[in-house]
Amino acid sequence: MQTSLADFVRDTPEGREAEAILRKCVHCGFCTATCPTYLLLGDENDGPRGRIYLVKQLLEGAAVTAARKHTWIAA
């Protein structure tokens, strides 16, 4: 996955670790078959790839709605 992290996190140890994790996902979808949240809700946004995209958006400084952020980040 291509990433472009925001300045506030790019050169931090956490930012480098997050970028490495994000780049490992190749969007194959195999993880959805064993994800309890995806199996229960059946919504791609609530599965692993949806959460990866949410974290990627946050780290890239993109706007994320408060409701969406609260669902996974604050839980």
N, C-alpha and C. Protein backbone atom coordinates (compact mmCIF):
# COMPACT_ATOMS: atom_id res chain seq x y z
N MET A 1 0.85 -1.17 0.00
CA MET A 1 0.00 0.00 0.00
C MET A 1 0.90 1.24 0.00
N GLN A 2 0.60 2.16 -0.86
CA GLN A 2 1.35 3.41 -0.91
C GLN A 2 0.91 4.31 0.24
N THR A 3 1.87 4.90 0.92
CA THR A 3 1.55 5.79 2.03
C THR A 3 2.24 7.13 1.86
N SER A 4 1.66 8.14 2.45
CA SER A 4 2.24 9.48 2.47
C SER A 4 1.87 10.09 3.82
N LEU A 5 2.60 9.70 4.84
CA LEU A 5 2.25 10.11 6.20
C LEU A 5 2.42 11.62 6.40
N ALA A 6 1.60 12.16 7.27
CA ALA A 6 1.63 13.58 7.58
C ALA A 6 2.92 13.93 8.32
N ASP A 7 3.29 15.18 8.27
CA ASP A 7 4.53 15.65 8.90
C ASP A 7 4.59 15.35 10.40
N PHE A 8 3.44 15.43 11.09
CA PHE A 8 3.46 15.26 12.54
C PHE A 8 3.87 13.86 12.98
N VAL A 9 3.83 12.89 12.07
CA VAL A 9 4.13 11.51 12.46
C VAL A 9 5.23 10.88 11.60
N ARG A 10 5.51 11.47 10.46
CA ARG A 10 6.40 10.85 9.48
C ARG A 10 7.75 10.42 10.04
N ASP A 11 8.43 11.27 10.77
CA ASP A 11 9.79 10.97 11.21
C ASP A 11 9.87 10.52 12.67
N THR A 12 8.79 9.97 13.17
CA THR A 12 8.80 9.45 14.54
C THR A 12 8.95 7.93 14.49
N PRO A 13 9.42 7.32 15.57
CA PRO A 13 9.51 5.85 15.59
C PRO A 13 8.14 5.20 15.35
N GLU A 14 7.09 5.79 15.94
CA GLU A 14 5.74 5.24 15.75
C GLU A 14 5.29 5.37 14.30
N GLY A 15 5.62 6.49 13.68
CA GLY A 15 5.26 6.71 12.28
C GLY A 15 5.95 5.73 11.36
N ARG A 16 7.23 5.48 11.61
CA ARG A 16 7.96 4.51 10.79
C ARG A 16 7.39 3.11 10.96
N GLU A 17 7.04 2.76 12.20
CA GLU A 17 6.44 1.45 12.46
C GLU A 17 5.08 1.33 11.77
N ALA A 18 4.26 2.37 11.89
CA ALA A 18 2.94 2.36 11.26
C ALA A 18 3.05 2.24 9.74
N GLU A 19 3.99 2.97 9.17
CA GLU A 19 4.17 2.92 7.72
C GLU A 19 4.58 1.53 7.27
N ALA A 20 5.46 0.88 8.01
CA ALA A 20 5.87 -0.48 7.67
C ALA A 20 4.69 -1.45 7.72
N ILE A 21 3.85 -1.29 8.74
CA ILE A 21 2.67 -2.15 8.86
C ILE A 21 1.70 -1.90 7.72
N LEU A 22 1.43 -0.63 7.42
CA LEU A 22 0.50 -0.30 6.34
C LEU A 22 0.98 -0.83 5.00
N ARG A 23 2.27 -0.77 4.76
CA ARG A 23 2.82 -1.21 3.48
C ARG A 23 2.77 -2.72 3.31
N LYS A 24 2.61 -3.47 4.40
CA LYS A 24 2.55 -4.93 4.31
C LYS A 24 1.22 -5.43 3.76
N CYS A 25 0.16 -4.65 3.91
CA CYS A 25 -1.16 -5.08 3.46
C CYS A 25 -1.23 -4.99 1.94
N VAL A 26 -1.58 -6.10 1.29
CA VAL A 26 -1.68 -6.13 -0.16
C VAL A 26 -3.14 -6.22 -0.62
N HIS A 27 -4.07 -6.07 0.31
CA HIS A 27 -5.51 -6.06 0.02
C HIS A 27 -6.00 -7.34 -0.62
N CYS A 28 -5.46 -8.46 -0.20
CA CYS A 28 -5.85 -9.75 -0.77
C CYS A 28 -7.23 -10.19 -0.29
N GLY A 29 -7.62 -9.76 0.91
CA GLY A 29 -8.92 -10.12 1.44
C GLY A 29 -8.97 -11.42 2.22
N PHE A 30 -7.86 -12.14 2.30
CA PHE A 30 -7.86 -13.40 3.04
C PHE A 30 -8.16 -13.20 4.52
N CYS A 31 -7.83 -12.05 5.06
CA CYS A 31 -8.05 -11.80 6.49
C CYS A 31 -9.53 -11.69 6.84
N THR A 32 -10.37 -11.34 5.88
CA THR A 32 -11.79 -11.20 6.18
C THR A 32 -12.45 -12.51 6.56
N ALA A 33 -11.94 -13.61 6.06
CA ALA A 33 -12.53 -14.92 6.35
C ALA A 33 -12.40 -15.32 7.81
N THR A 34 -11.45 -14.74 8.51
CA THR A 34 -11.25 -15.10 9.92
C THR A 34 -11.50 -13.93 10.86
N CYS A 35 -11.96 -12.81 10.36
CA CYS A 35 -12.21 -11.64 11.19
C CYS A 35 -13.60 -11.72 11.81
N PRO A 36 -13.69 -11.82 13.14
CA PRO A 36 -15.00 -11.93 13.77
C PRO A 36 -15.91 -10.73 13.51
N THR A 37 -15.34 -9.54 13.44
CA THR A 37 -16.15 -8.35 13.20
C THR A 37 -16.75 -8.38 11.80
N TYR A 38 -15.94 -8.73 10.83
CA TYR A 38 -16.44 -8.81 9.46
C TYR A 38 -17.49 -9.91 9.32
N LEU A 39 -17.24 -11.05 9.94
CA LEU A 39 -18.19 -12.15 9.87
C LEU A 39 -19.53 -11.79 10.52
N LEU A 40 -19.47 -11.03 11.59
CA LEU A 40 -20.69 -10.64 12.29
C LEU A 40 -21.47 -9.56 11.54
N LEU A 41 -20.75 -8.53 11.06
CA LEU A 41 -21.42 -7.38 10.45
C LEU A 41 -21.50 -7.46 8.92
N GLY A 42 -20.56 -8.18 8.30
CA GLY A 42 -20.57 -8.33 6.85
C GLY A 42 -20.28 -7.05 6.10
N ASP A 43 -19.66 -6.08 6.75
CA ASP A 43 -19.37 -4.79 6.12
C ASP A 43 -17.86 -4.64 5.97
N GLU A 44 -17.43 -4.45 4.75
CA GLU A 44 -16.00 -4.33 4.47
C GLU A 44 -15.35 -3.19 5.27
N ASN A 45 -16.10 -2.12 5.50
CA ASN A 45 -15.56 -1.00 6.27
C ASN A 45 -15.25 -1.37 7.71
N ASP A 46 -15.95 -2.36 8.24
CA ASP A 46 -15.72 -2.80 9.61
C ASP A 46 -14.72 -3.95 9.71
N GLY A 47 -14.24 -4.41 8.60
CA GLY A 47 -13.26 -5.49 8.58
C GLY A 47 -11.85 -4.95 8.66
N PRO A 48 -10.87 -5.83 8.57
CA PRO A 48 -9.47 -5.43 8.68
C PRO A 48 -9.05 -4.36 7.67
N ARG A 49 -9.43 -4.55 6.42
CA ARG A 49 -9.01 -3.57 5.41
C ARG A 49 -9.64 -2.21 5.65
N GLY A 50 -10.88 -2.18 6.10
CA GLY A 50 -11.54 -0.91 6.41
C GLY A 50 -10.83 -0.18 7.54
N ARG A 51 -10.43 -0.95 8.55
CA ARG A 51 -9.72 -0.33 9.67
C ARG A 51 -8.33 0.13 9.26
N ILE A 52 -7.68 -0.63 8.38
CA ILE A 52 -6.37 -0.21 7.88
C ILE A 52 -6.50 1.12 7.13
N TYR A 53 -7.52 1.24 6.30
CA TYR A 53 -7.74 2.50 5.58
C TYR A 53 -8.03 3.64 6.54
N LEU A 54 -8.79 3.38 7.60
CA LEU A 54 -9.10 4.42 8.58
C LEU A 54 -7.83 4.92 9.25
N VAL A 55 -6.98 4.02 9.70
CA VAL A 55 -5.73 4.41 10.35
C VAL A 55 -4.83 5.14 9.35
N LYS A 56 -4.78 4.66 8.12
CA LYS A 56 -3.99 5.32 7.08
C LYS A 56 -4.46 6.76 6.88
N GLN A 57 -5.78 6.97 6.81
CA GLN A 57 -6.31 8.32 6.65
C GLN A 57 -5.91 9.22 7.81
N LEU A 58 -6.01 8.69 9.03
CA LEU A 58 -5.63 9.48 10.20
C LEU A 58 -4.16 9.86 10.16
N LEU A 59 -3.30 8.91 9.82
CA LEU A 59 -1.86 9.16 9.80
C LEU A 59 -1.44 10.06 8.64
N GLU A 60 -2.23 10.10 7.59
CA GLU A 60 -1.92 10.98 6.47
C GLU A 60 -2.52 12.36 6.65
N GLY A 61 -3.22 12.57 7.77
CA GLY A 61 -3.78 13.88 8.07
C GLY A 61 -5.10 14.17 7.38
N ALA A 62 -5.73 13.15 6.81
CA ALA A 62 -7.01 13.34 6.14
C ALA A 62 -8.13 13.48 7.17
N ALA A 63 -9.17 14.15 6.77
CA ALA A 63 -10.32 14.31 7.67
C ALA A 63 -11.07 12.99 7.79
N VAL A 64 -11.38 12.62 9.01
CA VAL A 64 -12.16 11.42 9.29
C VAL A 64 -13.31 11.86 10.17
N THR A 65 -14.52 11.45 9.83
CA THR A 65 -15.68 11.88 10.60
C THR A 65 -15.57 11.40 12.04
N ALA A 66 -16.10 12.19 12.95
CA ALA A 66 -16.05 11.86 14.37
C ALA A 66 -16.74 10.54 14.65
N ALA A 67 -17.86 10.29 13.98
CA ALA A 67 -18.59 9.05 14.21
C ALA A 67 -17.76 7.85 13.78
N ARG A 68 -17.10 7.94 12.66
CA ARG A 68 -16.28 6.82 12.15
C ARG A 68 -15.07 6.61 13.06
N LYS A 69 -14.44 7.69 13.47
CA LYS A 69 -13.28 7.60 14.35
C LYS A 69 -13.67 6.97 15.68
N HIS A 70 -14.80 7.38 16.23
CA HIS A 70 -15.24 6.86 17.52
C HIS A 70 -15.51 5.36 17.45
N THR A 71 -16.01 4.88 16.33
CA THR A 71 -16.35 3.47 16.20
C THR A 71 -15.16 2.57 16.45
N TRP A 72 -13.99 2.92 15.92
CA TRP A 72 -12.85 2.00 16.04
C TRP A 72 -11.70 2.54 16.89
N ILE A 73 -11.45 3.81 16.85
CA ILE A 73 -10.30 4.34 17.57
C ILE A 73 -10.57 4.45 19.06
N ALA A 74 -11.74 4.91 19.44
CA ALA A 74 -12.04 5.11 20.85
C ALA A 74 -12.55 3.86 21.54
N ALA A 75 -12.88 2.85 20.77
CA ALA A 75 -13.44 1.61 21.35
C ALA A 75 -12.40 0.80 22.08
